[in-house]
Protein backbone atom coordinates (compact mmCIF):
# COMPACT_ATOMS: atom_id res chain seq x y z
CA UNK A 1 62.56 -10.32 66.07
CA UNK A 2 63.49 -13.46 68.35
CA UNK A 3 60.57 -12.59 69.94
CA UNK A 4 58.48 -12.84 67.11
CA UNK A 5 60.29 -16.10 66.11
CA UNK A 6 59.44 -17.42 69.77
CA UNK A 7 55.94 -16.54 69.38
CA UNK A 8 55.42 -18.27 66.14
CA UNK A 9 56.99 -21.22 67.49
CA UNK A 10 54.83 -21.51 70.42
CA UNK A 11 51.64 -21.10 68.29
CA UNK A 12 52.74 -23.62 65.90
CA UNK A 13 53.22 -25.94 68.60
CA UNK A 14 50.03 -25.37 70.19
CA UNK A 15 48.46 -25.83 67.09
CA UNK A 16 50.09 -28.93 66.33
CA UNK A 17 49.11 -30.14 69.68
CA UNK A 18 45.40 -29.40 69.03
CA UNK A 19 45.12 -30.92 65.93
CA UNK A 20 46.78 -34.07 67.47
CA UNK A 21 44.52 -33.97 70.34
CA UNK A 22 41.17 -33.55 68.03
CA UNK A 23 42.35 -35.80 65.31
CA UNK A 24 42.78 -38.85 67.60
CA UNK A 25 38.92 -38.29 68.88
CA UNK A 26 37.12 -41.24 67.56
CA UNK A 27 34.18 -38.86 66.23
CA UNK A 28 36.88 -37.20 63.85
CA UNK A 29 38.22 -40.79 62.36
CA UNK A 30 38.20 -41.47 58.96
CA UNK A 31 35.27 -43.94 57.73
CA UNK A 32 35.74 -47.53 58.13
CA UNK A 33 37.12 -49.38 55.12
CA UNK A 34 34.27 -50.59 52.66
CA UNK A 35 31.86 -47.76 53.69
CA UNK A 36 30.10 -46.48 50.24
CA UNK A 37 32.24 -43.27 49.12
CA UNK A 38 28.84 -41.61 48.93
CA UNK A 39 27.75 -42.00 52.55
CA UNK A 40 27.46 -39.05 54.23
CA UNK A 41 26.77 -40.95 57.51
CA UNK A 42 23.48 -39.70 58.33
CA UNK A 43 20.74 -42.62 58.69
CA UNK A 44 17.25 -41.79 60.25
CA UNK A 45 16.51 -42.97 63.50
CA UNK A 46 13.25 -44.99 63.95
CA UNK A 47 10.53 -43.41 65.92
CA UNK A 48 10.84 -44.27 69.35
CA UNK A 49 14.55 -45.20 69.46
CA UNK A 50 17.04 -43.25 71.68
CA UNK A 51 19.47 -41.01 70.14
CA UNK A 52 23.12 -41.33 71.25
CA UNK A 53 24.71 -38.42 72.67
CA UNK A 54 27.27 -36.53 70.69
CA UNK A 55 30.80 -37.68 71.41
CA UNK A 56 32.59 -34.31 70.58
CA UNK A 57 30.77 -32.02 72.99
CA UNK A 58 30.64 -28.40 73.12
CA UNK A 59 32.05 -28.16 76.96
CA UNK A 60 34.90 -30.23 75.85
CA UNK A 61 35.58 -28.06 72.96
CA UNK A 62 35.56 -24.89 75.21
CA UNK A 63 37.84 -26.58 77.66
CA UNK A 64 40.30 -27.36 74.90
CA UNK A 65 40.33 -23.60 73.51
CA UNK A 66 40.57 -22.32 76.84
CA UNK A 67 43.31 -24.29 77.86
CA UNK A 68 45.27 -23.35 74.62
CA UNK A 69 44.73 -19.50 75.16
CA UNK A 70 46.12 -20.20 78.73
CA UNK A 71 48.98 -21.81 77.48
CA UNK A 72 49.83 -19.42 75.08
CA UNK A 73 49.14 -16.42 77.82
CA UNK A 74 51.52 -18.41 80.30
CA UNK A 75 54.20 -18.95 77.62
CA UNK A 76 54.25 -15.22 76.61
CA UNK A 77 54.35 -14.06 80.26
CA UNK A 78 57.08 -16.79 80.85
CA UNK A 79 59.12 -15.05 77.77
CA UNK A 80 58.42 -11.47 79.21
CA UNK A 81 59.94 -12.50 82.45
CA UNK A 82 62.98 -14.20 81.15
CA UNK A 83 63.29 -11.04 78.81
CA UNK A 84 63.45 -9.06 82.07
CA UNK A 85 65.88 -11.17 83.81
CA UNK A 86 68.20 -10.85 81.07
CA UNK A 87 67.73 -7.21 80.62
CA UNK A 88 68.32 -6.53 84.38
CA UNK A 89 71.60 -8.93 84.35
CA UNK A 90 72.89 -6.90 81.22
CA UNK A 91 72.20 -3.42 82.96
CA UNK A 92 73.67 -4.59 85.97
CA UNK A 93 76.91 -5.87 83.84
CA UNK A 94 76.96 -2.60 81.99
CA UNK A 95 76.84 -0.83 85.51
CA UNK A 96 79.91 -2.61 86.74
CA UNK A 97 81.66 -1.77 83.60
CA UNK A 98 81.05 1.91 83.79
CA UNK A 99 81.56 2.42 87.64
CA UNK A 100 85.40 2.39 87.86
CA UNK A 101 85.50 4.92 84.88
CA UNK A 102 83.09 6.91 86.51
CA UNK A 103 85.09 7.01 89.67
CA UNK A 104 88.11 7.98 87.44
CA UNK A 105 86.67 10.83 85.71
CA UNK A 106 85.21 12.33 88.96
CA UNK A 107 88.69 12.15 90.61
CA UNK A 108 90.34 13.95 87.47
CA UNK A 109 87.74 16.64 87.70
CA UNK A 110 88.15 17.50 91.27
């Protein structure tokens, strides 16, 4: 149950981070005040005039997506490693607790 909660928190943090990164991009910003409400931003380009490159490029979006995926995978692996460390420590603690009892029962049976 704790793992599901941690995973949900990590995914929520990644979603918030992605939203902040993408929302701060100028291409996604709100229209400037005073612009007409019905304007969808499309304006025809006169013949012979160069068209500006898009500000939000596909390679950048792919890099952001892969970065988020790798962050999630690394976070999951770190969580697994930490859980394994706790499990090993708990097993060692149980081994230490049971070891004196095992020696006592072996002496009593012989």
